[in-house]
Amino acid sequence: MMNKTFLDQLEYKVTGACIEVNKILGPGLLESVYQKCLMWELQLQGINFTTEHPIILSYKDVLLDTALK
């Protein structure tokens, strides 16, 4: 069940994973490199996740496929 304690613990683990990736890689790489490493780190931490969900934009009552993720 998603309660405040669960979300606090999840936030702590995800933030820790981000810090771990940054600590190992440092600055200056492409976002795609950090993304792949973070995905691996989240798997190592046992955190279930999905990535790159397409975003449909509504503009003046028309749904537009913007290729945003």
PDB file of N, CA and C in Angstrom:
ATOM      1  N   MET A   1       0.841  -1.182   0.000  1.00  0.00           N
ATOM      2  CA  MET A   1       0.000   0.000   0.000  1.00  0.00           C
ATOM      3  C   MET A   1       0.883   1.240   0.000  1.00  0.00           C
ATOM      4  N   MET A   2       0.477   2.239  -0.764  1.00  0.00           N
ATOM      5  CA  MET A   2       1.236   3.483  -0.810  1.00  0.00           C
ATOM      6  C   MET A   2       0.785   4.407   0.302  1.00  0.00           C
ATOM      7  N   ASN A   3       1.616   4.528   1.302  1.00  0.00           N
ATOM      8  CA  ASN A   3       1.360   5.485   2.358  1.00  0.00           C
ATOM      9  C   ASN A   3       2.582   6.394   2.483  1.00  0.00           C
ATOM     10  N   LYS A   4       2.543   7.324   3.385  1.00  0.00           N
ATOM     11  CA  LYS A   4       3.636   8.295   3.512  1.00  0.00           C
ATOM     12  C   LYS A   4       4.951   7.610   3.846  1.00  0.00           C
ATOM     13  N   THR A   5       4.936   6.632   4.701  1.00  0.00           N
ATOM     14  CA  THR A   5       6.158   5.930   5.063  1.00  0.00           C
ATOM     15  C   THR A   5       6.766   5.229   3.855  1.00  0.00           C
ATOM     16  N   PHE A   6       5.925   4.538   3.089  1.00  0.00           N
ATOM     17  CA  PHE A   6       6.406   3.857   1.879  1.00  0.00           C
ATOM     18  C   PHE A   6       7.024   4.850   0.910  1.00  0.00           C
ATOM     19  N   LEU A   7       6.324   5.963   0.667  1.00  0.00           N
ATOM     20  CA  LEU A   7       6.826   6.966  -0.265  1.00  0.00           C
ATOM     21  C   LEU A   7       8.110   7.618   0.238  1.00  0.00           C
ATOM     22  N   ASP A   8       8.217   7.860   1.528  1.00  0.00           N
ATOM     23  CA  ASP A   8       9.443   8.423   2.097  1.00  0.00           C
ATOM     24  C   ASP A   8      10.615   7.468   1.894  1.00  0.00           C
ATOM     25  N   GLN A   9      10.385   6.180   2.131  1.00  0.00           N
ATOM     26  CA  GLN A   9      11.440   5.181   1.951  1.00  0.00           C
ATOM     27  C   GLN A   9      11.837   5.054   0.483  1.00  0.00           C
ATOM     28  N   LEU A  10      10.849   5.087  -0.398  1.00  0.00           N
ATOM     29  CA  LEU A  10      11.129   5.017  -1.828  1.00  0.00           C
ATOM     30  C   LEU A  10      11.931   6.233  -2.271  1.00  0.00           C
ATOM     31  N   GLU A  11      11.532   7.404  -1.829  1.00  0.00           N
ATOM     32  CA  GLU A  11      12.257   8.627  -2.170  1.00  0.00           C
ATOM     33  C   GLU A  11      13.705   8.544  -1.702  1.00  0.00           C
ATOM     34  N   TYR A  12      13.923   8.031  -0.507  1.00  0.00           N
ATOM     35  CA  TYR A  12      15.269   7.885   0.046  1.00  0.00           C
ATOM     36  C   TYR A  12      16.110   6.953  -0.831  1.00  0.00           C
ATOM     37  N   LYS A  13      15.534   5.825  -1.236  1.00  0.00           N
ATOM     38  CA  LYS A  13      16.255   4.858  -2.062  1.00  0.00           C
ATOM     39  C   LYS A  13      16.556   5.412  -3.456  1.00  0.00           C
ATOM     40  N   VAL A  14      15.589   6.088  -4.065  1.00  0.00           N
ATOM     41  CA  VAL A  14      15.791   6.647  -5.403  1.00  0.00           C
ATOM     42  C   VAL A  14      16.843   7.754  -5.358  1.00  0.00           C
ATOM     43  N   THR A  15      16.760   8.626  -4.367  1.00  0.00           N
ATOM     44  CA  THR A  15      17.760   9.678  -4.222  1.00  0.00           C
ATOM     45  C   THR A  15      19.144   9.081  -4.011  1.00  0.00           C
ATOM     46  N   GLY A  16      19.223   8.039  -3.203  1.00  0.00           N
ATOM     47  CA  GLY A  16      20.498   7.356  -2.986  1.00  0.00           C
ATOM     48  C   GLY A  16      21.051   6.760  -4.262  1.00  0.00           C
ATOM     49  N   ALA A  17      20.178   6.194  -5.091  1.00  0.00           N
ATOM     50  CA  ALA A  17      20.607   5.635  -6.377  1.00  0.00           C
ATOM     51  C   ALA A  17      21.150   6.737  -7.277  1.00  0.00           C
ATOM     52  N   CYS A  18      20.485   7.883  -7.309  1.00  0.00           N
ATOM     53  CA  CYS A  18      20.951   9.013  -8.118  1.00  0.00           C
ATOM     54  C   CYS A  18      22.314   9.497  -7.646  1.00  0.00           C
ATOM     55  N   ILE A  19      22.481   9.595  -6.347  1.00  0.00           N
ATOM     56  CA  ILE A  19      23.759  10.042  -5.783  1.00  0.00           C
ATOM     57  C   ILE A  19      24.859   9.042  -6.112  1.00  0.00           C
ATOM     58  N   GLU A  20      24.557   7.760  -6.036  1.00  0.00           N
ATOM     59  CA  GLU A  20      25.539   6.716  -6.352  1.00  0.00           C
ATOM     60  C   GLU A  20      26.010   6.831  -7.799  1.00  0.00           C
ATOM     61  N   VAL A  21      25.091   7.008  -8.720  1.00  0.00           N
ATOM     62  CA  VAL A  21      25.451   7.154 -10.134  1.00  0.00           C
ATOM     63  C   VAL A  21      26.318   8.398 -10.316  1.00  0.00           C
ATOM     64  N   ASN A  22      25.917   9.506  -9.730  1.00  0.00           N
ATOM     65  CA  ASN A  22      26.676  10.745  -9.859  1.00  0.00           C
ATOM     66  C   ASN A  22      28.061  10.617  -9.242  1.00  0.00           C
ATOM     67  N   LYS A  23      28.146   9.939  -8.116  1.00  0.00           N
ATOM     68  CA  LYS A  23      29.426   9.761  -7.426  1.00  0.00           C
ATOM     69  C   LYS A  23      30.395   8.952  -8.289  1.00  0.00           C
ATOM     70  N   ILE A  24      29.887   7.931  -8.958  1.00  0.00           N
ATOM     71  CA  ILE A  24      30.745   7.075  -9.771  1.00  0.00           C
ATOM     72  C   ILE A  24      31.095   7.726 -11.107  1.00  0.00           C
ATOM     73  N   LEU A  25      30.123   8.346 -11.767  1.00  0.00           N
ATOM     74  CA  LEU A  25      30.359   8.889 -13.105  1.00  0.00           C
ATOM     75  C   LEU A  25      30.899  10.308 -13.104  1.00  0.00           C
ATOM     76  N   GLY A  26      30.480  11.114 -12.137  1.00  0.00           N
ATOM     77  CA  GLY A  26      30.865  12.520 -12.146  1.00  0.00           C
ATOM     78  C   GLY A  26      30.095  13.289 -13.205  1.00  0.00           C
ATOM     79  N   PRO A  27      30.464  14.556 -13.405  1.00  0.00           N
ATOM     80  CA  PRO A  27      29.741  15.413 -14.349  1.00  0.00           C
ATOM     81  C   PRO A  27      30.248  15.258 -15.782  1.00  0.00           C
ATOM     82  N   GLY A  28      29.452  15.772 -16.725  1.00  0.00           N
ATOM     83  CA  GLY A  28      29.918  15.974 -18.079  1.00  0.00           C
ATOM     84  C   GLY A  28      29.526  14.943 -19.118  1.00  0.00           C
ATOM     85  N   LEU A  29      28.778  13.917 -18.740  1.00  0.00           N
ATOM     86  CA  LEU A  29      28.387  12.909 -19.717  1.00  0.00           C
ATOM     87  C   LEU A  29      27.009  13.220 -20.289  1.00  0.00           C
ATOM     88  N   LEU A  30      26.657  12.529 -21.332  1.00  0.00           N
ATOM     89  CA  LEU A  30      25.333  12.690 -21.918  1.00  0.00           C
ATOM     90  C   LEU A  30      24.261  12.152 -20.980  1.00  0.00           C
ATOM     91  N   GLU A  31      23.089  12.755 -21.057  1.00  0.00           N
ATOM     92  CA  GLU A  31      21.960  12.325 -20.228  1.00  0.00           C
ATOM     93  C   GLU A  31      21.660  10.846 -20.428  1.00  0.00           C
ATOM     94  N   SER A  32      21.799  10.365 -21.656  1.00  0.00           N
ATOM     95  CA  SER A  32      21.493   8.959 -21.947  1.00  0.00           C
ATOM     96  C   SER A  32      22.406   8.014 -21.171  1.00  0.00           C
ATOM     97  N   VAL A  33      23.637   8.419 -20.913  1.00  0.00           N
ATOM     98  CA  VAL A  33      24.570   7.596 -20.135  1.00  0.00           C
ATOM     99  C   VAL A  33      24.095   7.510 -18.686  1.00  0.00           C
ATOM    100  N   TYR A  34      23.747   8.664 -18.107  1.00  0.00           N
ATOM    101  CA  TYR A  34      23.245   8.682 -16.730  1.00  0.00           C
ATOM    102  C   TYR A  34      21.953   7.880 -16.623  1.00  0.00           C
ATOM    103  N   GLN A  35      21.098   7.979 -17.637  1.00  0.00           N
ATOM    104  CA  GLN A  35      19.831   7.249 -17.616  1.00  0.00           C
ATOM    105  C   GLN A  35      20.078   5.747 -17.568  1.00  0.00           C
ATOM    106  N   LYS A  36      20.959   5.242 -18.423  1.00  0.00           N
ATOM    107  CA  LYS A  36      21.239   3.799 -18.445  1.00  0.00           C
ATOM    108  C   LYS A  36      21.822   3.333 -17.121  1.00  0.00           C
ATOM    109  N   CYS A  37      22.734   4.121 -16.579  1.00  0.00           N
ATOM    110  CA  CYS A  37      23.346   3.749 -15.299  1.00  0.00           C
ATOM    111  C   CYS A  37      22.337   3.813 -14.165  1.00  0.00           C
ATOM    112  N   LEU A  38      21.477   4.815 -14.170  1.00  0.00           N
ATOM    113  CA  LEU A  38      20.454   4.917 -13.135  1.00  0.00           C
ATOM    114  C   LEU A  38      19.466   3.766 -13.240  1.00  0.00           C
ATOM    115  N   MET A  39      19.118   3.392 -14.459  1.00  0.00           N
ATOM    116  CA  MET A  39      18.221   2.249 -14.624  1.00  0.00           C
ATOM    117  C   MET A  39      18.842   0.995 -14.004  1.00  0.00           C
ATOM    118  N   TRP A  40      20.126   0.797 -14.238  1.00  0.00           N
ATOM    119  CA  TRP A  40      20.812  -0.371 -13.669  1.00  0.00           C
ATOM    120  C   TRP A  40      20.856  -0.271 -12.141  1.00  0.00           C
ATOM    121  N   GLU A  41      21.160   0.908 -11.627  1.00  0.00           N
ATOM    122  CA  GLU A  41      21.234   1.104 -10.175  1.00  0.00           C
ATOM    123  C   GLU A  41      19.881   0.859  -9.516  1.00  0.00           C
ATOM    124  N   LEU A  42      18.803   1.326 -10.146  1.00  0.00           N
ATOM    125  CA  LEU A  42      17.466   1.089  -9.588  1.00  0.00           C
ATOM    126  C   LEU A  42      17.153  -0.408  -9.568  1.00  0.00           C
ATOM    127  N   GLN A  43      17.578  -1.126 -10.604  1.00  0.00           N
ATOM    128  CA  GLN A  43      17.389  -2.578 -10.618  1.00  0.00           C
ATOM    129  C   GLN A  43      18.166  -3.224  -9.481  1.00  0.00           C
ATOM    130  N   LEU A  44      19.406  -2.786  -9.274  1.00  0.00           N
ATOM    131  CA  LEU A  44      20.218  -3.330  -8.182  1.00  0.00           C
ATOM    132  C   LEU A  44      19.570  -3.077  -6.821  1.00  0.00           C
ATOM    133  N   GLN A  45      18.891  -1.937  -6.697  1.00  0.00           N
ATOM    134  CA  GLN A  45      18.223  -1.574  -5.440  1.00  0.00           C
ATOM    135  C   GLN A  45      16.872  -2.274  -5.282  1.00  0.00           C
ATOM    136  N   GLY A  46      16.445  -3.009  -6.311  1.00  0.00           N
ATOM    137  CA  GLY A  46      15.165  -3.704  -6.243  1.00  0.00           C
ATOM    138  C   GLY A  46      13.963  -2.786  -6.395  1.00  0.00           C
ATOM    139  N   ILE A  47      14.152  -1.666  -7.072  1.00  0.00           N
ATOM    140  CA  ILE A  47      13.080  -0.699  -7.269  1.00  0.00           C
ATOM    141  C   ILE A  47      12.437  -0.962  -8.624  1.00  0.00           C
ATOM    142  N   ASN A  48      11.143  -1.255  -8.630  1.00  0.00           N
ATOM    143  CA  ASN A  48      10.411  -1.463  -9.878  1.00  0.00           C
ATOM    144  C   ASN A  48      10.114  -0.114 -10.515  1.00  0.00           C
ATOM    145  N   PHE A  49      10.319  -0.026 -11.821  1.00  0.00           N
ATOM    146  CA  PHE A  49      10.100   1.231 -12.517  1.00  0.00           C
ATOM    147  C   PHE A  49       9.845   0.962 -13.994  1.00  0.00           C
ATOM    148  N   THR A  50       9.326   1.964 -14.674  1.00  0.00           N
ATOM    149  CA  THR A  50       9.220   1.968 -16.126  1.00  0.00           C
ATOM    150  C   THR A  50       9.777   3.291 -16.615  1.00  0.00           C
ATOM    151  N   THR A  51      10.149   3.336 -17.888  1.00  0.00           N
ATOM    152  CA  THR A  51      10.772   4.547 -18.404  1.00  0.00           C
ATOM    153  C   THR A  51      10.115   5.004 -19.697  1.00  0.00           C
ATOM    154  N   GLU A  52      10.353   6.266 -20.003  1.00  0.00           N
ATOM    155  CA  GLU A  52      10.023   6.850 -21.291  1.00  0.00           C
ATOM    156  C   GLU A  52       8.572   6.679 -21.727  1.00  0.00           C
ATOM    157  N   HIS A  53       7.677   7.138 -20.912  1.00  0.00           N
ATOM    158  CA  HIS A  53       6.262   7.111 -21.264  1.00  0.00           C
ATOM    159  C   HIS A  53       5.960   8.262 -22.223  1.00  0.00           C
ATOM    160  N   PRO A  54       5.295   7.981 -23.331  1.00  0.00           N
ATOM    161  CA  PRO A  54       4.953   9.072 -24.251  1.00  0.00           C
ATOM    162  C   PRO A  54       3.934  10.023 -23.617  1.00  0.00           C
ATOM    163  N   ILE A  55       4.093  11.281 -23.931  1.00  0.00           N
ATOM    164  CA  ILE A  55       3.196  12.305 -23.392  1.00  0.00           C
ATOM    165  C   ILE A  55       2.371  12.872 -24.544  1.00  0.00           C
ATOM    166  N   ILE A  56       1.069  12.799 -24.393  1.00  0.00           N
ATOM    167  CA  ILE A  56       0.166  13.385 -25.375  1.00  0.00           C
ATOM    168  C   ILE A  56      -0.220  14.775 -24.877  1.00  0.00           C
ATOM    169  N   LEU A  57      -0.075  15.746 -25.726  1.00  0.00           N
ATOM    170  CA  LEU A  57      -0.342  17.133 -25.365  1.00  0.00           C
ATOM    171  C   LEU A  57      -1.699  17.550 -25.906  1.00  0.00           C
ATOM    172  N   SER A  58      -2.481  18.182 -25.058  1.00  0.00           N
ATOM    173  CA  SER A  58      -3.763  18.726 -25.495  1.00  0.00           C
ATOM    174  C   SER A  58      -3.577  20.209 -25.790  1.00  0.00           C
ATOM    175  N   TYR A  59      -3.871  20.587 -27.024  1.00  0.00           N
ATOM    176  CA  TYR A  59      -3.760  21.991 -27.432  1.00  0.00           C
ATOM    177  C   TYR A  59      -5.049  22.393 -28.137  1.00  0.00           C
ATOM    178  N   LYS A  60      -5.760  23.330 -27.544  1.00  0.00           N
ATOM    179  CA  LYS A  60      -7.036  23.809 -28.082  1.00  0.00           C
ATOM    180  C   LYS A  60      -7.959  22.636 -28.415  1.00  0.00           C
ATOM    181  N   ASP A  61      -8.098  21.746 -27.445  1.00  0.00           N
ATOM    182  CA  ASP A  61      -8.993  20.577 -27.534  1.00  0.00           C
ATOM    183  C   ASP A  61      -8.576  19.554 -28.585  1.00  0.00           C
ATOM    184  N   VAL A  62      -7.326  19.609 -29.035  1.00  0.00           N
ATOM    185  CA  VAL A  62      -6.815  18.611 -29.972  1.00  0.00           C
ATOM    186  C   VAL A  62      -5.659  17.893 -29.291  1.00  0.00           C
ATOM    187  N   LEU A  63      -5.655  16.555 -29.345  1.00  0.00           N
ATOM    188  CA  LEU A  63      -4.565  15.784 -28.778  1.00  0.00           C
ATOM    189  C   LEU A  63      -3.458  15.650 -29.806  1.00  0.00           C
ATOM    190  N   LEU A  64      -2.263  16.052 -29.430  1.00  0.00           N
ATOM    191  CA  LEU A  64      -1.124  16.045 -30.324  1.00  0.00           C
ATOM    192  C   LEU A  64      -0.064  15.067 -29.833  1.00  0.00           C
ATOM    193  N   ASP A  65       0.437  14.237 -30.730  1.00  0.00           N
ATOM    194  CA  ASP A  65       1.556  13.370 -30.394  1.00  0.00           C
ATOM    195  C   ASP A  65       2.827  14.181 -30.587  1.00  0.00           C
ATOM    196  N   THR A  66       3.436  14.591 -29.478  1.00  0.00           N
ATOM    197  CA  THR A  66       4.572  15.513 -29.532  1.00  0.00           C
ATOM    198  C   THR A  66       5.912  14.802 -29.499  1.00  0.00           C
ATOM    199  N   ALA A  67       5.902  13.489 -29.359  1.00  0.00           N
ATOM    200  CA  ALA A  67       7.128  12.701 -29.232  1.00  0.00           C
ATOM    201  C   ALA A  67       7.892  13.042 -27.952  1.00  0.00           C
ATOM    202  N   LEU A  68       7.213  13.671 -27.009  1.00  0.00           N
ATOM    203  CA  LEU A  68       7.829  13.926 -25.699  1.00  0.00           C
ATOM    204  C   LEU A  68       7.802  12.653 -24.883  1.00  0.00           C
ATOM    205  N   LYS A  69       8.826  12.474 -24.067  1.00  0.00           N
ATOM    206  CA  LYS A  69       8.890  11.317 -23.182  1.00  0.00           C
ATOM    207  C   LYS A  69       9.341  11.775 -21.820  1.00  0.00           C
TER     208      LYS A  69
END
